[in-house]
Amino acid sequence: MSASNSWAECAAVFRTTRAVFLEHEKAKAELKGLMPEDAKEAIGHGVRAKRSKSGAVSFDLLDVEARHAALQ
């Protein structure tokens, strides 16, 4: 695949983002561990965690402008 420009571009992105991806996954695992078992939702510092009925936790980024507007 060394002759393919697309492969080279994607391989470069994969290699340069790998460490950040692993850091991201570690942070998600730690956030899940910090969320109380009985909580359905946790919000803080621009992140919302939601627990599904099956117990899976998903994360959303909150819009900073909307968050500030709600406080005013």
N, C-alpha and C. Protein backbone atom coordinates (compact mmCIF):
# COMPACT_ATOMS: atom_id res chain seq x y z
N MET A 1 0.80 -1.20 0.00
CA MET A 1 0.00 0.00 0.00
C MET A 1 0.85 1.27 0.00
N SER A 2 2.15 1.12 -0.15
CA SER A 2 3.02 2.30 -0.11
C SER A 2 2.80 3.23 -1.30
N ALA A 3 2.18 2.75 -2.37
CA ALA A 3 1.95 3.59 -3.54
C ALA A 3 0.66 4.41 -3.42
N SER A 4 -0.15 4.13 -2.43
CA SER A 4 -1.43 4.82 -2.29
C SER A 4 -1.30 6.05 -1.41
N ASN A 5 -1.63 7.22 -1.98
CA ASN A 5 -1.60 8.47 -1.20
C ASN A 5 -2.64 8.46 -0.09
N SER A 6 -3.82 7.93 -0.38
CA SER A 6 -4.87 7.87 0.64
C SER A 6 -4.43 7.02 1.82
N TRP A 7 -3.82 5.87 1.52
CA TRP A 7 -3.34 4.99 2.59
C TRP A 7 -2.30 5.73 3.44
N ALA A 8 -1.39 6.41 2.78
CA ALA A 8 -0.33 7.13 3.48
C ALA A 8 -0.90 8.22 4.38
N GLU A 9 -1.88 8.96 3.86
CA GLU A 9 -2.50 10.02 4.65
C GLU A 9 -3.22 9.46 5.87
N CYS A 10 -4.00 8.42 5.67
CA CYS A 10 -4.74 7.82 6.77
C CYS A 10 -3.80 7.16 7.78
N ALA A 11 -2.76 6.52 7.30
CA ALA A 11 -1.79 5.90 8.19
C ALA A 11 -1.10 6.96 9.04
N ALA A 12 -0.81 8.10 8.46
CA ALA A 12 -0.16 9.18 9.21
C ALA A 12 -1.09 9.71 10.30
N VAL A 13 -2.36 9.90 9.97
CA VAL A 13 -3.33 10.36 10.97
C VAL A 13 -3.47 9.33 12.07
N PHE A 14 -3.57 8.06 11.70
CA PHE A 14 -3.69 6.99 12.68
C PHE A 14 -2.50 6.99 13.64
N ARG A 15 -1.32 7.11 13.09
CA ARG A 15 -0.11 7.09 13.93
C ARG A 15 -0.02 8.31 14.84
N THR A 16 -0.40 9.48 14.35
CA THR A 16 -0.24 10.70 15.15
C THR A 16 -1.35 10.87 16.19
N THR A 17 -2.50 10.24 15.98
CA THR A 17 -3.61 10.39 16.92
C THR A 17 -3.74 9.21 17.88
N ARG A 18 -2.93 8.20 17.75
CA ARG A 18 -3.04 6.99 18.58
C ARG A 18 -2.88 7.30 20.07
N ALA A 19 -1.88 8.07 20.44
CA ALA A 19 -1.63 8.36 21.86
C ALA A 19 -2.78 9.17 22.46
N VAL A 20 -3.31 10.12 21.71
CA VAL A 20 -4.42 10.93 22.19
C VAL A 20 -5.67 10.07 22.33
N PHE A 21 -5.89 9.16 21.40
CA PHE A 21 -7.02 8.24 21.48
C PHE A 21 -6.94 7.39 22.74
N LEU A 22 -5.78 6.87 23.04
CA LEU A 22 -5.61 6.06 24.25
C LEU A 22 -5.85 6.88 25.50
N GLU A 23 -5.41 8.13 25.50
CA GLU A 23 -5.64 9.03 26.63
C GLU A 23 -7.15 9.31 26.78
N HIS A 24 -7.82 9.48 25.66
CA HIS A 24 -9.27 9.71 25.63
C HIS A 24 -10.01 8.50 26.23
N GLU A 25 -9.64 7.31 25.83
CA GLU A 25 -10.28 6.10 26.34
C GLU A 25 -10.03 5.93 27.83
N LYS A 26 -8.85 6.28 28.30
CA LYS A 26 -8.54 6.19 29.73
C LYS A 26 -9.39 7.18 30.51
N ALA A 27 -9.54 8.39 29.99
CA ALA A 27 -10.36 9.41 30.65
C ALA A 27 -11.82 8.96 30.72
N LYS A 28 -12.35 8.36 29.65
CA LYS A 28 -13.72 7.87 29.66
C LYS A 28 -13.89 6.80 30.74
N ALA A 29 -12.95 5.89 30.83
CA ALA A 29 -13.03 4.83 31.84
C ALA A 29 -13.00 5.41 33.25
N GLU A 30 -12.15 6.42 33.47
CA GLU A 30 -12.06 7.04 34.78
C GLU A 30 -13.34 7.82 35.12
N LEU A 31 -13.91 8.52 34.13
CA LEU A 31 -15.18 9.23 34.35
C LEU A 31 -16.29 8.24 34.70
N LYS A 32 -16.34 7.11 34.01
CA LYS A 32 -17.34 6.08 34.32
C LYS A 32 -17.18 5.61 35.76
N GLY A 33 -15.95 5.44 36.19
CA GLY A 33 -15.68 5.00 37.55
C GLY A 33 -16.06 6.03 38.60
N LEU A 34 -16.01 7.30 38.24
CA LEU A 34 -16.37 8.38 39.16
C LEU A 34 -17.87 8.60 39.26
N MET A 35 -18.61 8.11 38.29
CA MET A 35 -20.06 8.30 38.28
C MET A 35 -20.70 7.31 39.25
N PRO A 36 -21.49 7.80 40.20
CA PRO A 36 -22.15 6.89 41.15
C PRO A 36 -23.03 5.87 40.42
N GLU A 37 -23.08 4.66 40.94
CA GLU A 37 -23.84 3.58 40.30
C GLU A 37 -25.33 3.89 40.16
N ASP A 38 -25.87 4.65 41.12
CA ASP A 38 -27.30 4.93 41.09
C ASP A 38 -27.66 6.20 40.31
N ALA A 39 -26.66 6.88 39.77
CA ALA A 39 -26.91 8.12 39.02
C ALA A 39 -27.29 7.80 37.58
N LYS A 40 -28.32 8.49 37.10
CA LYS A 40 -28.73 8.33 35.69
C LYS A 40 -27.99 9.32 34.81
N GLU A 41 -27.55 10.46 35.41
CA GLU A 41 -26.88 11.50 34.64
C GLU A 41 -25.92 12.25 35.55
N ALA A 42 -24.80 12.65 34.98
CA ALA A 42 -23.82 13.49 35.69
C ALA A 42 -23.34 14.56 34.72
N ILE A 43 -23.25 15.78 35.20
CA ILE A 43 -22.84 16.90 34.36
C ILE A 43 -21.77 17.70 35.08
N GLY A 44 -20.72 18.07 34.36
CA GLY A 44 -19.71 18.93 34.92
C GLY A 44 -18.60 19.22 33.94
N HIS A 45 -18.08 20.43 33.99
CA HIS A 45 -16.92 20.86 33.20
C HIS A 45 -17.10 20.61 31.71
N GLY A 46 -18.33 20.85 31.22
CA GLY A 46 -18.60 20.75 29.79
C GLY A 46 -18.86 19.35 29.28
N VAL A 47 -19.05 18.39 30.20
CA VAL A 47 -19.31 17.00 29.80
C VAL A 47 -20.55 16.50 30.52
N ARG A 48 -21.41 15.79 29.78
CA ARG A 48 -22.57 15.13 30.38
C ARG A 48 -22.43 13.63 30.17
N ALA A 49 -22.60 12.87 31.25
CA ALA A 49 -22.61 11.42 31.19
C ALA A 49 -24.03 10.95 31.44
N LYS A 50 -24.52 10.03 30.62
CA LYS A 50 -25.87 9.50 30.78
C LYS A 50 -25.78 7.97 30.85
N ARG A 51 -26.50 7.39 31.82
CA ARG A 51 -26.54 5.94 31.97
C ARG A 51 -27.84 5.43 31.35
N SER A 52 -27.71 4.44 30.47
CA SER A 52 -28.88 3.84 29.84
C SER A 52 -29.53 2.85 30.80
N LYS A 53 -30.70 2.37 30.44
CA LYS A 53 -31.39 1.38 31.27
C LYS A 53 -30.57 0.11 31.44
N SER A 54 -29.75 -0.21 30.44
CA SER A 54 -28.91 -1.40 30.52
C SER A 54 -27.64 -1.18 31.33
N GLY A 55 -27.38 0.09 31.72
CA GLY A 55 -26.20 0.40 32.53
C GLY A 55 -25.03 0.98 31.77
N ALA A 56 -25.15 1.04 30.44
CA ALA A 56 -24.07 1.62 29.64
C ALA A 56 -24.02 3.13 29.84
N VAL A 57 -22.82 3.68 29.91
CA VAL A 57 -22.65 5.12 30.10
C VAL A 57 -22.15 5.73 28.78
N SER A 58 -22.84 6.80 28.36
CA SER A 58 -22.41 7.52 27.16
C SER A 58 -22.10 8.96 27.56
N PHE A 59 -21.26 9.60 26.76
CA PHE A 59 -20.81 10.96 27.06
C PHE A 59 -21.15 11.89 25.91
N ASP A 60 -21.49 13.14 26.29
CA ASP A 60 -21.74 14.20 25.33
C ASP A 60 -20.96 15.43 25.76
N LEU A 61 -20.49 16.18 24.78
CA LEU A 61 -19.88 17.48 25.07
C LEU A 61 -20.99 18.51 25.10
N LEU A 62 -20.96 19.37 26.10
CA LEU A 62 -21.96 20.42 26.20
C LEU A 62 -21.45 21.69 25.54
N ASP A 63 -22.34 22.41 24.91
CA ASP A 63 -22.01 23.67 24.28
C ASP A 63 -21.73 24.69 25.38
N VAL A 64 -20.54 25.25 25.40
CA VAL A 64 -20.14 26.18 26.45
C VAL A 64 -21.03 27.41 26.46
N GLU A 65 -21.40 27.94 25.30
CA GLU A 65 -22.25 29.14 25.24
C GLU A 65 -23.62 28.86 25.83
N ALA A 66 -24.21 27.72 25.53
CA ALA A 66 -25.52 27.37 26.05
C ALA A 66 -25.47 27.21 27.55
N ARG A 67 -24.37 26.66 28.05
CA ARG A 67 -24.21 26.45 29.49
C ARG A 67 -24.16 27.79 30.21
N HIS A 68 -23.43 28.75 29.65
CA HIS A 68 -23.34 30.07 30.26
C HIS A 68 -24.69 30.79 30.19
N ALA A 69 -25.40 30.63 29.10
CA ALA A 69 -26.69 31.30 28.94
C ALA A 69 -27.68 30.79 29.98
N ALA A 70 -27.61 29.51 30.31
CA ALA A 70 -28.54 28.94 31.29
C ALA A 70 -28.30 29.51 32.68
N LEU A 71 -27.09 29.95 32.95
CA LEU A 71 -26.76 30.48 34.27
C LEU A 71 -27.19 31.93 34.43
N GLN A 72 -27.40 32.64 33.36
CA GLN A 72 -27.70 34.07 33.46
C GLN A 72 -29.13 34.34 33.83
